[in-house]
Amino acid sequence: MPLKMQKIQITVNLNEEEIKKAKQPVQKLILKSMLELGKDKKIFTYGELVKFMIDNKDNTEYYNGSGIKSINNIWKYWGYSQSKAHKSTINNFSTYYILVKN
């Protein structure tokens, strides 16, 4: 999982079609958030991504699930996205971003 100040840039692999393939609302939240931040700034930090997800957790454009029970869990979504053991695993997640060296 990246550190709060880790810079992230999305790749061309992350697009609306890929987001439509996501099955879990949490998957869509992180992918839509990354796509939105990537459009405006191209490069954003992990902390900015988490803040954006927290700010938009009640916005049905980004999250349409049964409710996020813990804000603290949002910090863990990146890890869940890559975990083979978690139901929120996103196939090919690592192809959607580049961790930018400072």
PDB file of N, CA and C in Angstrom:
ATOM      1  N   MET A   1       0.844  -1.169   0.000  1.00  0.00           N
ATOM      2  CA  MET A   1       0.000   0.000   0.000  1.00  0.00           C
ATOM      3  C   MET A   1       0.893   1.238   0.000  1.00  0.00           C
ATOM      4  N   PRO A   2       0.550   2.216  -0.814  1.00  0.00           N
ATOM      5  CA  PRO A   2       1.395   3.422  -0.885  1.00  0.00           C
ATOM      6  C   PRO A   2       1.333   4.242   0.402  1.00  0.00           C
ATOM      7  N   LEU A   3       2.340   5.051   0.600  1.00  0.00           N
ATOM      8  CA  LEU A   3       2.322   6.016   1.693  1.00  0.00           C
ATOM      9  C   LEU A   3       1.436   7.181   1.299  1.00  0.00           C
ATOM     10  N   LYS A   4       1.023   7.960   2.269  1.00  0.00           N
ATOM     11  CA  LYS A   4       0.097   9.072   2.051  1.00  0.00           C
ATOM     12  C   LYS A   4       0.580  10.045   0.973  1.00  0.00           C
ATOM     13  N   MET A   5       1.871  10.327   0.926  1.00  0.00           N
ATOM     14  CA  MET A   5       2.410  11.307  -0.027  1.00  0.00           C
ATOM     15  C   MET A   5       2.905  10.675  -1.331  1.00  0.00           C
ATOM     16  N   GLN A   6       2.724   9.364  -1.477  1.00  0.00           N
ATOM     17  CA  GLN A   6       3.130   8.692  -2.706  1.00  0.00           C
ATOM     18  C   GLN A   6       2.356   9.260  -3.896  1.00  0.00           C
ATOM     19  N   LYS A   7       3.078   9.654  -4.936  1.00  0.00           N
ATOM     20  CA  LYS A   7       2.448  10.201  -6.131  1.00  0.00           C
ATOM     21  C   LYS A   7       2.018   9.046  -7.049  1.00  0.00           C
ATOM     22  N   ILE A   8       0.842   9.225  -7.643  1.00  0.00           N
ATOM     23  CA  ILE A   8       0.246   8.199  -8.495  1.00  0.00           C
ATOM     24  C   ILE A   8      -0.175   8.837  -9.817  1.00  0.00           C
ATOM     25  N   GLN A   9       0.037   8.115 -10.886  1.00  0.00           N
ATOM     26  CA  GLN A   9      -0.440   8.548 -12.195  1.00  0.00           C
ATOM     27  C   GLN A   9      -1.216   7.381 -12.799  1.00  0.00           C
ATOM     28  N   ILE A  10      -2.400   7.651 -13.325  1.00  0.00           N
ATOM     29  CA  ILE A  10      -3.157   6.556 -13.934  1.00  0.00           C
ATOM     30  C   ILE A  10      -2.611   6.280 -15.334  1.00  0.00           C
ATOM     31  N   THR A  11      -2.864   5.080 -15.798  1.00  0.00           N
ATOM     32  CA  THR A  11      -2.435   4.687 -17.143  1.00  0.00           C
ATOM     33  C   THR A  11      -3.655   4.678 -18.075  1.00  0.00           C
ATOM     34  N   VAL A  12      -3.397   4.493 -19.344  1.00  0.00           N
ATOM     35  CA  VAL A  12      -4.488   4.430 -20.321  1.00  0.00           C
ATOM     36  C   VAL A  12      -5.362   3.194 -20.116  1.00  0.00           C
ATOM     37  N   ASN A  13      -4.891   2.238 -19.337  1.00  0.00           N
ATOM     38  CA  ASN A  13      -5.674   1.025 -19.073  1.00  0.00           C
ATOM     39  C   ASN A  13      -6.901   1.300 -18.201  1.00  0.00           C
ATOM     40  N   LEU A  14      -6.868   2.391 -17.433  1.00  0.00           N
ATOM     41  CA  LEU A  14      -8.005   2.721 -16.574  1.00  0.00           C
ATOM     42  C   LEU A  14      -8.950   3.626 -17.353  1.00  0.00           C
ATOM     43  N   ASN A  15     -10.133   3.102 -17.623  1.00  0.00           N
ATOM     44  CA  ASN A  15     -11.134   3.849 -18.384  1.00  0.00           C
ATOM     45  C   ASN A  15     -12.530   3.398 -17.945  1.00  0.00           C
ATOM     46  N   GLU A  16     -13.542   4.030 -18.498  1.00  0.00           N
ATOM     47  CA  GLU A  16     -14.926   3.728 -18.116  1.00  0.00           C
ATOM     48  C   GLU A  16     -15.296   2.264 -18.383  1.00  0.00           C
ATOM     49  N   GLU A  17     -14.802   1.714 -19.456  1.00  0.00           N
ATOM     50  CA  GLU A  17     -15.103   0.310 -19.779  1.00  0.00           C
ATOM     51  C   GLU A  17     -14.564  -0.634 -18.709  1.00  0.00           C
ATOM     52  N   GLU A  18     -13.358  -0.362 -18.241  1.00  0.00           N
ATOM     53  CA  GLU A  18     -12.774  -1.190 -17.187  1.00  0.00           C
ATOM     54  C   GLU A  18     -13.560  -1.043 -15.885  1.00  0.00           C
ATOM     55  N   ILE A  19     -14.009   0.167 -15.604  1.00  0.00           N
ATOM     56  CA  ILE A  19     -14.781   0.407 -14.381  1.00  0.00           C
ATOM     57  C   ILE A  19     -16.104  -0.359 -14.431  1.00  0.00           C
ATOM     58  N   LYS A  20     -16.719  -0.433 -15.590  1.00  0.00           N
ATOM     59  CA  LYS A  20     -17.983  -1.175 -15.740  1.00  0.00           C
ATOM     60  C   LYS A  20     -17.811  -2.658 -15.418  1.00  0.00           C
ATOM     61  N   LYS A  21     -16.617  -3.189 -15.598  1.00  0.00           N
ATOM     62  CA  LYS A  21     -16.353  -4.599 -15.310  1.00  0.00           C
ATOM     63  C   LYS A  21     -16.295  -4.882 -13.809  1.00  0.00           C
ATOM     64  N   ALA A  22     -16.068  -3.851 -13.002  1.00  0.00           N
ATOM     65  CA  ALA A  22     -15.975  -4.025 -11.545  1.00  0.00           C
ATOM     66  C   ALA A  22     -17.335  -4.451 -11.001  1.00  0.00           C
ATOM     67  N   LYS A  23     -17.333  -5.421 -10.108  1.00  0.00           N
ATOM     68  CA  LYS A  23     -18.581  -5.968  -9.572  1.00  0.00           C
ATOM     69  C   LYS A  23     -18.962  -5.371  -8.230  1.00  0.00           C
ATOM     70  N   GLN A  24     -17.989  -5.064  -7.411  1.00  0.00           N
ATOM     71  CA  GLN A  24     -18.246  -4.557  -6.067  1.00  0.00           C
ATOM     72  C   GLN A  24     -18.294  -3.026  -6.060  1.00  0.00           C
ATOM     73  N   PRO A  25     -19.202  -2.419  -5.291  1.00  0.00           N
ATOM     74  CA  PRO A  25     -19.254  -0.958  -5.191  1.00  0.00           C
ATOM     75  C   PRO A  25     -17.930  -0.337  -4.733  1.00  0.00           C
ATOM     76  N   VAL A  26     -17.222  -1.034  -3.847  1.00  0.00           N
ATOM     77  CA  VAL A  26     -15.933  -0.525  -3.362  1.00  0.00           C
ATOM     78  C   VAL A  26     -14.919  -0.465  -4.501  1.00  0.00           C
ATOM     79  N   GLN A  27     -14.945  -1.454  -5.377  1.00  0.00           N
ATOM     80  CA  GLN A  27     -14.055  -1.457  -6.537  1.00  0.00           C
ATOM     81  C   GLN A  27     -14.344  -0.245  -7.414  1.00  0.00           C
ATOM     82  N   LYS A  28     -15.604   0.022  -7.646  1.00  0.00           N
ATOM     83  CA  LYS A  28     -15.989   1.160  -8.487  1.00  0.00           C
ATOM     84  C   LYS A  28     -15.589   2.475  -7.835  1.00  0.00           C
ATOM     85  N   LEU A  29     -15.717   2.563  -6.514  1.00  0.00           N
ATOM     86  CA  LEU A  29     -15.340   3.788  -5.810  1.00  0.00           C
ATOM     87  C   LEU A  29     -13.868   4.121  -6.027  1.00  0.00           C
ATOM     88  N   ILE A  30     -12.994   3.169  -5.827  1.00  0.00           N
ATOM     89  CA  ILE A  30     -11.571   3.467  -5.973  1.00  0.00           C
ATOM     90  C   ILE A  30     -11.216   3.743  -7.437  1.00  0.00           C
ATOM     91  N   LEU A  31     -11.763   2.978  -8.363  1.00  0.00           N
ATOM     92  CA  LEU A  31     -11.430   3.176  -9.777  1.00  0.00           C
ATOM     93  C   LEU A  31     -11.986   4.491 -10.319  1.00  0.00           C
ATOM     94  N   LYS A  32     -13.234   4.811  -9.984  1.00  0.00           N
ATOM     95  CA  LYS A  32     -13.815   6.081 -10.436  1.00  0.00           C
ATOM     96  C   LYS A  32     -13.069   7.265  -9.838  1.00  0.00           C
ATOM     97  N   SER A  33     -12.670   7.126  -8.582  1.00  0.00           N
ATOM     98  CA  SER A  33     -11.926   8.198  -7.918  1.00  0.00           C
ATOM     99  C   SER A  33     -10.568   8.403  -8.571  1.00  0.00           C
ATOM    100  N   MET A  34      -9.882   7.316  -8.870  1.00  0.00           N
ATOM    101  CA  MET A  34      -8.584   7.415  -9.540  1.00  0.00           C
ATOM    102  C   MET A  34      -8.738   8.061 -10.911  1.00  0.00           C
ATOM    103  N   LEU A  35      -9.772   7.664 -11.654  1.00  0.00           N
ATOM    104  CA  LEU A  35      -9.983   8.218 -12.984  1.00  0.00           C
ATOM    105  C   LEU A  35     -10.278   9.712 -12.907  1.00  0.00           C
ATOM    106  N   GLU A  36     -11.095  10.112 -11.953  1.00  0.00           N
ATOM    107  CA  GLU A  36     -11.435  11.530 -11.801  1.00  0.00           C
ATOM    108  C   GLU A  36     -10.207  12.358 -11.420  1.00  0.00           C
ATOM    109  N   LEU A  37      -9.456  11.911 -10.436  1.00  0.00           N
ATOM    110  CA  LEU A  37      -8.260  12.654 -10.025  1.00  0.00           C
ATOM    111  C   LEU A  37      -7.216  12.658 -11.133  1.00  0.00           C
ATOM    112  N   GLY A  38      -7.097  11.581 -11.854  1.00  0.00           N
ATOM    113  CA  GLY A  38      -6.137  11.492 -12.943  1.00  0.00           C
ATOM    114  C   GLY A  38      -6.467  12.425 -14.094  1.00  0.00           C
ATOM    115  N   LYS A  39      -7.760  12.647 -14.335  1.00  0.00           N
ATOM    116  CA  LYS A  39      -8.177  13.561 -15.402  1.00  0.00           C
ATOM    117  C   LYS A  39      -7.749  14.986 -15.096  1.00  0.00           C
ATOM    118  N   ASP A  40      -8.000  15.405 -13.889  1.00  0.00           N
ATOM    119  CA  ASP A  40      -7.761  16.799 -13.522  1.00  0.00           C
ATOM    120  C   ASP A  40      -6.292  17.122 -13.276  1.00  0.00           C
ATOM    121  N   LYS A  41      -5.591  16.209 -12.632  1.00  0.00           N
ATOM    122  CA  LYS A  41      -4.231  16.527 -12.195  1.00  0.00           C
ATOM    123  C   LYS A  41      -3.162  15.647 -12.824  1.00  0.00           C
ATOM    124  N   LYS A  42      -3.577  14.606 -13.472  1.00  0.00           N
ATOM    125  CA  LYS A  42      -2.664  13.610 -14.025  1.00  0.00           C
ATOM    126  C   LYS A  42      -1.876  12.882 -12.938  1.00  0.00           C
ATOM    127  N   ILE A  43      -1.273  13.645 -12.015  1.00  0.00           N
ATOM    128  CA  ILE A  43      -0.538  13.027 -10.910  1.00  0.00           C
ATOM    129  C   ILE A  43      -1.196  13.487  -9.616  1.00  0.00           C
ATOM    130  N   PHE A  44      -1.462  12.544  -8.718  1.00  0.00           N
ATOM    131  CA  PHE A  44      -2.082  12.849  -7.434  1.00  0.00           C
ATOM    132  C   PHE A  44      -1.432  11.972  -6.374  1.00  0.00           C
ATOM    133  N   THR A  45      -1.645  12.299  -5.126  1.00  0.00           N
ATOM    134  CA  THR A  45      -1.062  11.497  -4.049  1.00  0.00           C
ATOM    135  C   THR A  45      -2.092  10.495  -3.529  1.00  0.00           C
ATOM    136  N   TYR A  46      -1.594   9.481  -2.863  1.00  0.00           N
ATOM    137  CA  TYR A  46      -2.476   8.487  -2.257  1.00  0.00           C
ATOM    138  C   TYR A  46      -3.383   9.161  -1.225  1.00  0.00           C
ATOM    139  N   GLY A  47      -2.845  10.105  -0.480  1.00  0.00           N
ATOM    140  CA  GLY A  47      -3.646  10.842   0.499  1.00  0.00           C
ATOM    141  C   GLY A  47      -4.788  11.598  -0.163  1.00  0.00           C
ATOM    142  N   GLU A  48      -4.522  12.201  -1.316  1.00  0.00           N
ATOM    143  CA  GLU A  48      -5.577  12.902  -2.062  1.00  0.00           C
ATOM    144  C   GLU A  48      -6.646  11.923  -2.549  1.00  0.00           C
ATOM    145  N   LEU A  49      -6.216  10.745  -2.962  1.00  0.00           N
ATOM    146  CA  LEU A  49      -7.155   9.729  -3.414  1.00  0.00           C
ATOM    147  C   LEU A  49      -8.078   9.307  -2.273  1.00  0.00           C
ATOM    148  N   VAL A  50      -7.514   9.027  -1.119  1.00  0.00           N
ATOM    149  CA  VAL A  50      -8.321   8.606   0.026  1.00  0.00           C
ATOM    150  C   VAL A  50      -9.277   9.721   0.444  1.00  0.00           C
ATOM    151  N   LYS A  51      -8.792  10.958   0.482  1.00  0.00           N
ATOM    152  CA  LYS A  51      -9.657  12.091   0.839  1.00  0.00           C
ATOM    153  C   LYS A  51     -10.807  12.211  -0.156  1.00  0.00           C
ATOM    154  N   PHE A  52     -10.522  12.063  -1.442  1.00  0.00           N
ATOM    155  CA  PHE A  52     -11.552  12.139  -2.471  1.00  0.00           C
ATOM    156  C   PHE A  52     -12.595  11.039  -2.255  1.00  0.00           C
ATOM    157  N   MET A  53     -12.148   9.834  -1.942  1.00  0.00           N
ATOM    158  CA  MET A  53     -13.079   8.730  -1.708  1.00  0.00           C
ATOM    159  C   MET A  53     -13.940   8.997  -0.476  1.00  0.00           C
ATOM    160  N   ILE A  54     -13.336   9.525   0.586  1.00  0.00           N
ATOM    161  CA  ILE A  54     -14.100   9.853   1.797  1.00  0.00           C
ATOM    162  C   ILE A  54     -15.126  10.936   1.488  1.00  0.00           C
ATOM    163  N   ASP A  55     -14.698  11.961   0.770  1.00  0.00           N
ATOM    164  CA  ASP A  55     -15.599  13.069   0.428  1.00  0.00           C
ATOM    165  C   ASP A  55     -16.755  12.627  -0.464  1.00  0.00           C
ATOM    166  N   ASN A  56     -16.559  11.565  -1.235  1.00  0.00           N
ATOM    167  CA  ASN A  56     -17.573  11.127  -2.195  1.00  0.00           C
ATOM    168  C   ASN A  56     -18.242   9.802  -1.840  1.00  0.00           C
ATOM    169  N   LYS A  57     -18.054   9.341  -0.612  1.00  0.00           N
ATOM    170  CA  LYS A  57     -18.623   8.054  -0.210  1.00  0.00           C
ATOM    171  C   LYS A  57     -20.143   8.043  -0.221  1.00  0.00           C
ATOM    172  N   ASP A  58     -20.764   9.212  -0.114  1.00  0.00           N
ATOM    173  CA  ASP A  58     -22.227   9.305  -0.150  1.00  0.00           C
ATOM    174  C   ASP A  58     -22.746   9.802  -1.497  1.00  0.00           C
ATOM    175  N   ASN A  59     -21.856   9.995  -2.440  1.00  0.00           N
ATOM    176  CA  ASN A  59     -22.203  10.456  -3.779  1.00  0.00           C
ATOM    177  C   ASN A  59     -22.453   9.219  -4.653  1.00  0.00           C
ATOM    178  N   THR A  60     -23.691   9.023  -5.087  1.00  0.00           N
ATOM    179  CA  THR A  60     -24.032   7.813  -5.843  1.00  0.00           C
ATOM    180  C   THR A  60     -23.326   7.719  -7.193  1.00  0.00           C
ATOM    181  N   GLU A  61     -22.753   8.809  -7.653  1.00  0.00           N
ATOM    182  CA  GLU A  61     -21.965   8.757  -8.886  1.00  0.00           C
ATOM    183  C   GLU A  61     -20.686   7.934  -8.681  1.00  0.00           C
ATOM    184  N   TYR A  62     -20.199   7.925  -7.437  1.00  0.00           N
ATOM    185  CA  TYR A  62     -18.959   7.205  -7.126  1.00  0.00           C
ATOM    186  C   TYR A  62     -19.187   5.920  -6.338  1.00  0.00           C
ATOM    187  N   TYR A  63     -20.167   5.930  -5.441  1.00  0.00           N
ATOM    188  CA  TYR A  63     -20.403   4.753  -4.592  1.00  0.00           C
ATOM    189  C   TYR A  63     -21.895   4.490  -4.503  1.00  0.00           C
ATOM    190  N   ASN A  64     -22.292   3.287  -4.863  1.00  0.00           N
ATOM    191  CA  ASN A  64     -23.696   2.932  -4.863  1.00  0.00           C
ATOM    192  C   ASN A  64     -23.892   1.610  -4.129  1.00  0.00           C
ATOM    193  N   GLY A  65     -23.259   1.503  -2.965  1.00  0.00           N
ATOM    194  CA  GLY A  65     -23.350   0.275  -2.186  1.00  0.00           C
ATOM    195  C   GLY A  65     -24.285   0.427  -1.011  1.00  0.00           C
ATOM    196  N   SER A  66     -24.173  -0.493  -0.071  1.00  0.00           N
ATOM    197  CA  SER A  66     -25.061  -0.498   1.096  1.00  0.00           C
ATOM    198  C   SER A  66     -24.555   0.390   2.220  1.00  0.00           C
ATOM    199  N   GLY A  67     -23.501   1.106   1.982  1.00  0.00           N
ATOM    200  CA  GLY A  67     -22.977   2.015   3.001  1.00  0.00           C
ATOM    201  C   GLY A  67     -21.596   1.598   3.468  1.00  0.00           C
ATOM    202  N   ILE A  68     -20.768   2.568   3.689  1.00  0.00           N
ATOM    203  CA  ILE A  68     -19.415   2.326   4.184  1.00  0.00           C
ATOM    204  C   ILE A  68     -19.474   2.411   5.701  1.00  0.00           C
ATOM    205  N   LYS A  69     -19.151   1.318   6.345  1.00  0.00           N
ATOM    206  CA  LYS A  69     -19.300   1.237   7.793  1.00  0.00           C
ATOM    207  C   LYS A  69     -18.187   1.942   8.557  1.00  0.00           C
ATOM    208  N   SER A  70     -17.020   2.060   7.954  1.00  0.00           N
ATOM    209  CA  SER A  70     -15.890   2.674   8.641  1.00  0.00           C
ATOM    210  C   SER A  70     -15.057   3.501   7.663  1.00  0.00           C
ATOM    211  N   ILE A  71     -14.921   4.766   7.975  1.00  0.00           N
ATOM    212  CA  ILE A  71     -14.070   5.654   7.171  1.00  0.00           C
ATOM    213  C   ILE A  71     -12.636   5.132   7.164  1.00  0.00           C
ATOM    214  N   ASN A  72     -12.189   4.585   8.291  1.00  0.00           N
ATOM    215  CA  ASN A  72     -10.822   4.074   8.382  1.00  0.00           C
ATOM    216  C   ASN A  72     -10.563   2.964   7.374  1.00  0.00           C
ATOM    217  N   ASN A  73     -11.600   2.203   7.022  1.00  0.00           N
ATOM    218  CA  ASN A  73     -11.417   1.126   6.043  1.00  0.00           C
ATOM    219  C   ASN A  73     -11.094   1.663   4.654  1.00  0.00           C
ATOM    220  N   ILE A  74     -11.493   2.898   4.358  1.00  0.00           N
ATOM    221  CA  ILE A  74     -11.200   3.463   3.042  1.00  0.00           C
ATOM    222  C   ILE A  74      -9.695   3.488   2.796  1.00  0.00           C
ATOM    223  N   TRP A  75      -8.918   3.715   3.855  1.00  0.00           N
ATOM    224  CA  TRP A  75      -7.458   3.691   3.721  1.00  0.00           C
ATOM    225  C   TRP A  75      -6.965   2.313   3.298  1.00  0.00           C
ATOM    226  N   LYS A  76      -7.771   1.271   3.558  1.00  0.00           N
ATOM    227  CA  LYS A  76      -7.364  -0.106   3.260  1.00  0.00           C
ATOM    228  C   LYS A  76      -7.808  -0.581   1.874  1.00  0.00           C
ATOM    229  N   TYR A  77      -8.635   0.193   1.176  1.00  0.00           N
ATOM    230  CA  TYR A  77      -9.190  -0.258  -0.099  1.00  0.00           C
ATOM    231  C   TYR A  77      -8.115  -0.580  -1.132  1.00  0.00           C
ATOM    232  N   TRP A  78      -7.022   0.160  -1.110  1.00  0.00           N
ATOM    233  CA  TRP A  78      -5.928  -0.099  -2.057  1.00  0.00           C
ATOM    234  C   TRP A  78      -5.409  -1.522  -1.855  1.00  0.00           C
ATOM    235  N   GLY A  79      -5.186  -1.877  -0.614  1.00  0.00           N
ATOM    236  CA  GLY A  79      -4.715  -3.229  -0.298  1.00  0.00           C
ATOM    237  C   GLY A  79      -5.736  -4.291  -0.663  1.00  0.00           C
ATOM    238  N   TYR A  80      -7.019  -4.015  -0.364  1.00  0.00           N
ATOM    239  CA  TYR A  80      -8.077  -4.955  -0.728  1.00  0.00           C
ATOM    240  C   TYR A  80      -8.110  -5.172  -2.238  1.00  0.00           C
ATOM    241  N   SER A  81      -7.854  -4.120  -2.995  1.00  0.00           N
ATOM    242  CA  SER A  81      -7.912  -4.197  -4.455  1.00  0.00           C
ATOM    243  C   SER A  81      -6.882  -5.153  -5.025  1.00  0.00           C
ATOM    244  N   GLN A  82      -5.805  -5.366  -4.290  1.00  0.00           N
ATOM    245  CA  GLN A  82      -4.720  -6.215  -4.780  1.00  0.00           C
ATOM    246  C   GLN A  82      -4.658  -7.575  -4.103  1.00  0.00           C
ATOM    247  N   SER A  83      -5.476  -7.778  -3.067  1.00  0.00           N
ATOM    248  CA  SER A  83      -5.444  -9.015  -2.305  1.00  0.00           C
ATOM    249  C   SER A  83      -6.235 -10.114  -2.998  1.00  0.00           C
ATOM    250  N   LYS A  84      -5.615 -11.220  -3.247  1.00  0.00           N
ATOM    251  CA  LYS A  84      -6.304 -12.355  -3.864  1.00  0.00           C
ATOM    252  C   LYS A  84      -7.347 -12.964  -2.921  1.00  0.00           C
ATOM    253  N   ALA A  85      -7.191 -12.721  -1.619  1.00  0.00           N
ATOM    254  CA  ALA A  85      -8.076 -13.313  -0.628  1.00  0.00           C
ATOM    255  C   ALA A  85      -9.307 -12.449  -0.334  1.00  0.00           C
ATOM    256  N   HIS A  86      -9.374 -11.264  -0.870  1.00  0.00           N
ATOM    257  CA  HIS A  86     -10.474 -10.346  -0.549  1.00  0.00           C
ATOM    258  C   HIS A  86     -11.474 -10.288  -1.698  1.00  0.00           C
ATOM    259  N   LYS A  87     -12.752 -10.157  -1.364  1.00  0.00           N
ATOM    260  CA  LYS A  87     -13.783 -10.121  -2.416  1.00  0.00           C
ATOM    261  C   LYS A  87     -13.745  -8.844  -3.248  1.00  0.00           C
ATOM    262  N   SER A  88     -13.002  -7.835  -2.796  1.00  0.00           N
ATOM    263  CA  SER A  88     -12.892  -6.580  -3.546  1.00  0.00           C
ATOM    264  C   SER A  88     -11.654  -6.522  -4.430  1.00  0.00           C
ATOM    265  N   THR A  89     -11.038  -7.678  -4.669  1.00  0.00           N
ATOM    266  CA  THR A  89      -9.888  -7.737  -5.566  1.00  0.00           C
ATOM    267  C   THR A  89     -10.271  -7.190  -6.937  1.00  0.00           C
ATOM    268  N   ILE A  90      -9.405  -6.361  -7.501  1.00  0.00           N
ATOM    269  CA  ILE A  90      -9.621  -5.826  -8.844  1.00  0.00           C
ATOM    270  C   ILE A  90      -8.604  -6.493  -9.764  1.00  0.00           C
ATOM    271  N   ASN A  91      -9.112  -7.259 -10.717  1.00  0.00           N
ATOM    272  CA  ASN A  91      -8.211  -7.908 -11.677  1.00  0.00           C
ATOM    273  C   ASN A  91      -7.388  -6.847 -12.409  1.00  0.00           C
ATOM    274  N   ASN A  92      -6.115  -7.108 -12.546  1.00  0.00           N
ATOM    275  CA  ASN A  92      -5.192  -6.220 -13.261  1.00  0.00           C
ATOM    276  C   ASN A  92      -5.077  -4.826 -12.653  1.00  0.00           C
ATOM    277  N   PHE A  93      -5.370  -4.684 -11.364  1.00  0.00           N
ATOM    278  CA  PHE A  93      -5.342  -3.375 -10.713  1.00  0.00           C
ATOM    279  C   PHE A  93      -4.004  -2.667 -10.938  1.00  0.00           C
ATOM    280  N   SER A  94      -2.915  -3.406 -10.856  1.00  0.00           N
ATOM    281  CA  SER A  94      -1.591  -2.793 -10.969  1.00  0.00           C
ATOM    282  C   SER A  94      -1.324  -2.217 -12.370  1.00  0.00           C
ATOM    283  N   THR A  95      -2.148  -2.556 -13.350  1.00  0.00           N
ATOM    284  CA  THR A  95      -1.958  -1.996 -14.695  1.00  0.00           C
ATOM    285  C   THR A  95      -2.660  -0.653 -14.864  1.00  0.00           C
ATOM    286  N   TYR A  96      -3.397  -0.229 -13.853  1.00  0.00           N
ATOM    287  CA  TYR A  96      -4.170   1.017 -13.939  1.00  0.00           C
ATOM    288  C   TYR A  96      -3.415   2.240 -13.423  1.00  0.00           C
ATOM    289  N   TYR A  97      -2.243   2.039 -12.847  1.00  0.00           N
ATOM    290  CA  TYR A  97      -1.515   3.149 -12.255  1.00  0.00           C
ATOM    291  C   TYR A  97      -0.012   2.940 -12.340  1.00  0.00           C
ATOM    292  N   ILE A  98       0.681   4.046 -12.148  1.00  0.00           N
ATOM    293  CA  ILE A  98       2.139   4.050 -12.005  1.00  0.00           C
ATOM    294  C   ILE A  98       2.444   4.800 -10.724  1.00  0.00           C
ATOM    295  N   LEU A  99       3.287   4.236  -9.873  1.00  0.00           N
ATOM    296  CA  LEU A  99       3.757   4.979  -8.701  1.00  0.00           C
ATOM    297  C   LEU A  99       4.916   5.841  -9.162  1.00  0.00           C
ATOM    298  N   VAL A 100       4.751   7.144  -9.053  1.00  0.00           N
ATOM    299  CA  VAL A 100       5.716   8.104  -9.569  1.00  0.00           C
ATOM    300  C   VAL A 100       6.808   8.310  -8.523  1.00  0.00           C
ATOM    301  N   LYS A 101       8.044   8.203  -8.971  1.00  0.00           N
ATOM    302  CA  LYS A 101       9.166   8.441  -8.048  1.00  0.00           C
ATOM    303  C   LYS A 101       9.280   9.920  -7.773  1.00  0.00           C
ATOM    304  N   ASN A 102       9.529  10.239  -6.511  1.00  0.00           N
ATOM    305  CA  ASN A 102       9.660  11.653  -6.109  1.00  0.00           C
ATOM    306  C   ASN A 102      10.968  12.250  -6.544  1.00  0.00           C
TER     307      ASN A 102
END
